[in-house]
């Protein structure tokens, strides 16, 4: 861009090839003064400012929409989890009732199970156990298989090692049954694990 200069005493006028003229007096640039007085320049600045505000508003709207979507997804997941796992504490408490029922049944000797005096008691306890198992299944509680399985630290808790001919790490004794509620561990199985005989 080339400029033409004309000097008149302390006033200097500069004109570029596009016809824009800059006049300076006493070393001060008058461009700002003339630009402030020109409505098209002020309008250009205002349009640029409004475009920036619009871009900021669009960006904030996108952020707000993304946040709303994240909150909605979290709320849906929380509601689904609440429905699926609402009975967790209750189920954990009822498992001890199931354990006591199983202990009661296993404590009755085999020869007394056929006795007419105990037959009604045994039948009643077995029916109660079956009904409890059915209720557990309806609510997503599943017993963890332990006996003969390899030890899985996500489902089993090894309480002791037992000398055995089974492969080391195989569960050979179950002290307490383990349970899952849907895909979550409710209670690990307390087990004894095989080790090589001494």
Protein backbone atom coordinates (compact mmCIF):
# COMPACT_ATOMS: atom_id res chain seq x y z
CA UNK A 1 0.00 0.00 0.00
CA UNK A 2 1.52 3.28 -1.09
CA UNK A 3 0.76 6.59 0.53
CA UNK A 4 0.91 10.16 -0.72
CA UNK A 5 1.91 12.86 1.69
CA UNK A 6 1.09 16.53 1.54
CA UNK A 7 2.31 18.80 4.27
CA UNK A 8 0.83 22.15 5.16
CA UNK A 9 2.59 23.78 8.10
CA UNK A 10 1.75 21.54 11.12
CA UNK A 11 -1.03 19.58 9.34
CA UNK A 12 -0.12 16.37 7.50
CA UNK A 13 -2.50 14.53 5.18
CA UNK A 14 -1.85 10.98 4.06
CA UNK A 15 -3.85 9.30 1.30
CA UNK A 16 -3.43 5.64 0.45
CA UNK A 17 -4.18 3.99 -2.90
CA UNK A 18 -7.72 3.12 -1.80
CA UNK A 19 -8.60 6.70 -1.16
CA UNK A 20 -8.51 6.61 2.64
CA UNK A 21 -7.22 9.87 4.04
CA UNK A 22 -5.50 10.37 7.37
CA UNK A 23 -4.99 13.84 8.68
CA UNK A 24 -2.70 14.48 11.61
CA UNK A 25 -2.28 17.76 13.40
CA UNK A 26 0.47 18.47 15.81
CA UNK A 27 1.46 14.76 15.77
CA UNK A 28 -2.03 13.54 16.87
CA UNK A 29 -3.90 11.09 14.71
CA UNK A 30 -7.37 12.36 13.82
CA UNK A 31 -8.46 9.02 12.41
CA UNK A 32 -10.06 8.03 15.71
CA UNK A 33 -11.97 11.30 15.91
CA UNK A 34 -13.31 10.98 12.40
CA UNK A 35 -14.07 7.27 12.91
CA UNK A 36 -16.06 8.04 16.03
CA UNK A 37 -18.07 10.59 14.11
CA UNK A 38 -18.68 8.22 11.15
CA UNK A 39 -21.85 6.15 11.76
CA UNK A 40 -20.82 3.30 9.42
CA UNK A 41 -17.66 2.63 11.47
CA UNK A 42 -19.64 2.66 14.73
CA UNK A 43 -22.20 0.36 13.12
CA UNK A 44 -19.43 -2.02 12.00
CA UNK A 45 -18.03 -2.16 15.57
CA UNK A 46 -21.53 -2.76 16.96
CA UNK A 47 -22.17 -5.60 14.46
CA UNK A 48 -18.85 -7.20 15.37
CA UNK A 49 -19.69 -6.92 19.07
CA UNK A 50 -23.13 -8.45 18.51
CA UNK A 51 -21.63 -11.31 16.46
CA UNK A 52 -19.23 -12.05 19.32
CA UNK A 53 -22.09 -12.00 21.82
CA UNK A 54 -24.12 -14.30 19.56
CA UNK A 55 -21.23 -16.75 19.25
CA UNK A 56 -20.79 -16.72 23.07
CA UNK A 57 -24.53 -17.27 23.57
CA UNK A 58 -24.52 -20.20 21.11
CA UNK A 59 -21.54 -21.75 22.91
CA UNK A 60 -23.21 -21.34 26.31
CA UNK A 61 -26.42 -22.85 24.92
CA UNK A 62 -24.49 -25.88 23.64
CA UNK A 63 -22.81 -26.31 27.03
CA UNK A 64 -26.16 -25.99 28.81
CA UNK A 65 -27.79 -28.56 26.49
CA UNK A 66 -24.91 -30.98 27.04
CA UNK A 67 -25.15 -30.52 30.81
CA UNK A 68 -28.93 -31.07 30.73
CA UNK A 69 -28.44 -34.25 28.72
CA UNK A 70 -25.80 -35.49 31.19
CA UNK A 71 -28.05 -34.73 34.17
CA UNK A 72 -30.95 -36.53 32.47
CA UNK A 73 -28.81 -39.60 31.76
CA UNK A 74 -27.51 -39.65 35.35
CA UNK A 75 -31.06 -39.32 36.70
CA UNK A 76 -32.27 -42.18 34.48
CA UNK A 77 -29.38 -44.38 35.59
CA UNK A 78 -29.97 -43.51 39.26
CA UNK A 79 -33.68 -44.29 38.89
CA UNK A 80 -32.92 -47.60 37.16
CA UNK A 81 -30.38 -48.52 39.85
CA UNK A 82 -32.81 -47.50 42.59
CA UNK A 83 -35.47 -49.80 41.15
CA UNK A 84 -33.05 -52.65 40.56
CA UNK A 85 -31.19 -52.47 43.86
CA UNK A 86 -33.77 -50.97 46.23
CA UNK A 87 -34.10 -54.23 48.13
CA UNK A 88 -30.36 -54.69 48.67
CA UNK A 89 -30.27 -53.94 52.41
CA UNK A 90 -33.46 -55.91 53.02
CA UNK A 91 -32.19 -58.85 50.96
CA UNK A 92 -28.91 -58.87 52.87
CA UNK A 93 -30.87 -59.09 56.14
CA UNK A 94 -33.17 -61.84 54.86
CA UNK A 95 -30.15 -63.91 53.79
CA UNK A 96 -29.38 -64.54 57.47
CA UNK A 97 -32.91 -65.97 57.85
CA UNK A 98 -32.20 -68.26 54.89
CA UNK A 99 -28.87 -69.30 56.46
CA UNK A 100 -30.59 -70.19 59.76
CA UNK A 101 -33.26 -72.15 57.92
CA UNK A 102 -30.61 -74.14 56.04
CA UNK A 103 -28.72 -74.80 59.29
CA UNK A 104 -31.94 -75.99 60.96
CA UNK A 105 -32.62 -78.42 58.10
CA UNK A 106 -29.05 -79.74 58.07
CA UNK A 107 -29.13 -80.24 61.87
CA UNK A 108 -32.00 -82.73 61.67
CA UNK A 109 -30.45 -86.21 61.44
CA UNK A 110 -31.40 -88.31 58.42
CA UNK A 111 -32.94 -91.09 60.56
CA UNK A 112 -35.29 -88.56 62.21
CA UNK A 113 -36.46 -87.09 58.89
CA UNK A 114 -38.52 -90.21 58.23
CA UNK A 115 -39.98 -90.27 61.75
CA UNK A 116 -43.67 -89.35 61.82
CA UNK A 117 -43.04 -86.92 64.69
CA UNK A 118 -40.54 -84.87 62.65
CA UNK A 119 -41.92 -85.44 59.17
CA UNK A 120 -44.32 -82.47 59.35
CA UNK A 121 -41.57 -80.19 60.73
CA UNK A 122 -39.09 -81.22 58.04
CA UNK A 123 -41.69 -80.83 55.28
CA UNK A 124 -42.63 -77.38 56.58
CA UNK A 125 -39.00 -76.23 56.78
CA UNK A 126 -38.27 -77.52 53.28
CA UNK A 127 -41.38 -75.81 51.87
CA UNK A 128 -40.34 -72.55 53.57
CA UNK A 129 -36.85 -72.87 52.08
CA UNK A 130 -38.26 -73.44 48.58
CA UNK A 131 -40.58 -70.43 48.90
CA UNK A 132 -37.72 -68.23 50.12
CA UNK A 133 -35.58 -69.33 47.18
CA UNK A 134 -38.46 -68.55 44.80
CA UNK A 135 -38.87 -65.06 46.30
CA UNK A 136 -35.13 -64.46 45.98
CA UNK A 137 -35.21 -65.43 42.29
CA UNK A 138 -38.17 -63.15 41.57
CA UNK A 139 -36.22 -60.22 42.99
CA UNK A 140 -32.97 -60.97 41.15
CA UNK A 141 -31.07 -62.73 43.95
CA UNK A 142 -28.95 -65.60 42.68
CA UNK A 143 -26.88 -68.00 44.77
CA UNK A 144 -23.19 -68.06 43.83
CA UNK A 145 -21.91 -71.49 42.85
CA UNK A 146 -18.90 -72.34 44.99
CA UNK A 147 -18.24 -76.05 45.51
CA UNK A 148 -15.78 -77.45 42.97
CA UNK A 149 -15.27 -74.03 41.36
CA UNK A 150 -11.91 -72.26 41.16
CA UNK A 151 -11.60 -69.43 43.69
CA UNK A 152 -12.90 -66.15 42.26
CA UNK A 153 -11.95 -63.24 44.54
CA UNK A 154 -14.84 -61.24 43.08
CA UNK A 155 -17.37 -63.76 44.40
CA UNK A 156 -15.63 -65.92 47.00
CA UNK A 157 -13.80 -65.11 50.21
CA UNK A 158 -11.26 -67.74 51.19
CA UNK A 159 -11.39 -68.37 54.93
CA UNK A 160 -9.02 -71.33 55.16
CA UNK A 161 -6.92 -73.76 53.16
CA UNK A 162 -7.79 -77.44 53.31
CA UNK A 163 -5.35 -80.21 52.33
CA UNK A 164 -7.02 -81.96 49.40
CA UNK A 165 -6.43 -84.04 46.30
CA UNK A 166 -8.29 -81.37 44.30
CA UNK A 167 -6.32 -78.83 42.28
CA UNK A 168 -4.93 -76.03 44.45
CA UNK A 169 -7.27 -73.06 44.48
CA UNK A 170 -10.39 -75.19 44.04
CA UNK A 171 -13.20 -74.62 46.55
CA UNK A 172 -13.73 -77.75 48.63
CA UNK A 173 -15.79 -76.35 51.51
CA UNK A 174 -18.51 -73.71 51.77
CA UNK A 175 -19.10 -72.18 55.20
CA UNK A 176 -21.63 -69.58 54.06
CA UNK A 177 -23.39 -69.21 50.74
CA UNK A 178 -22.67 -66.21 48.54
CA UNK A 179 -25.32 -64.21 46.70
CA UNK A 180 -25.58 -61.79 43.79
CA UNK A 181 -28.35 -59.25 43.29
CA UNK A 182 -28.60 -58.94 39.51
CA UNK A 183 -25.03 -58.10 38.44
CA UNK A 184 -23.78 -56.91 41.84
CA UNK A 185 -22.26 -58.89 44.66
CA UNK A 186 -24.59 -58.94 47.65
CA UNK A 187 -22.49 -61.23 49.83
CA UNK A 188 -19.38 -63.25 49.00
CA UNK A 189 -19.34 -66.98 49.64
CA UNK A 190 -17.14 -67.89 52.62
CA UNK A 191 -15.14 -70.89 51.45
CA UNK A 192 -12.31 -73.28 52.14
CA UNK A 193 -9.80 -73.69 49.34
CA UNK A 194 -7.82 -76.80 48.42
CA UNK A 195 -4.09 -76.92 48.92
CA UNK A 196 -1.56 -79.68 48.26
CA UNK A 197 -1.37 -82.17 51.12
CA UNK A 198 1.77 -81.87 53.26
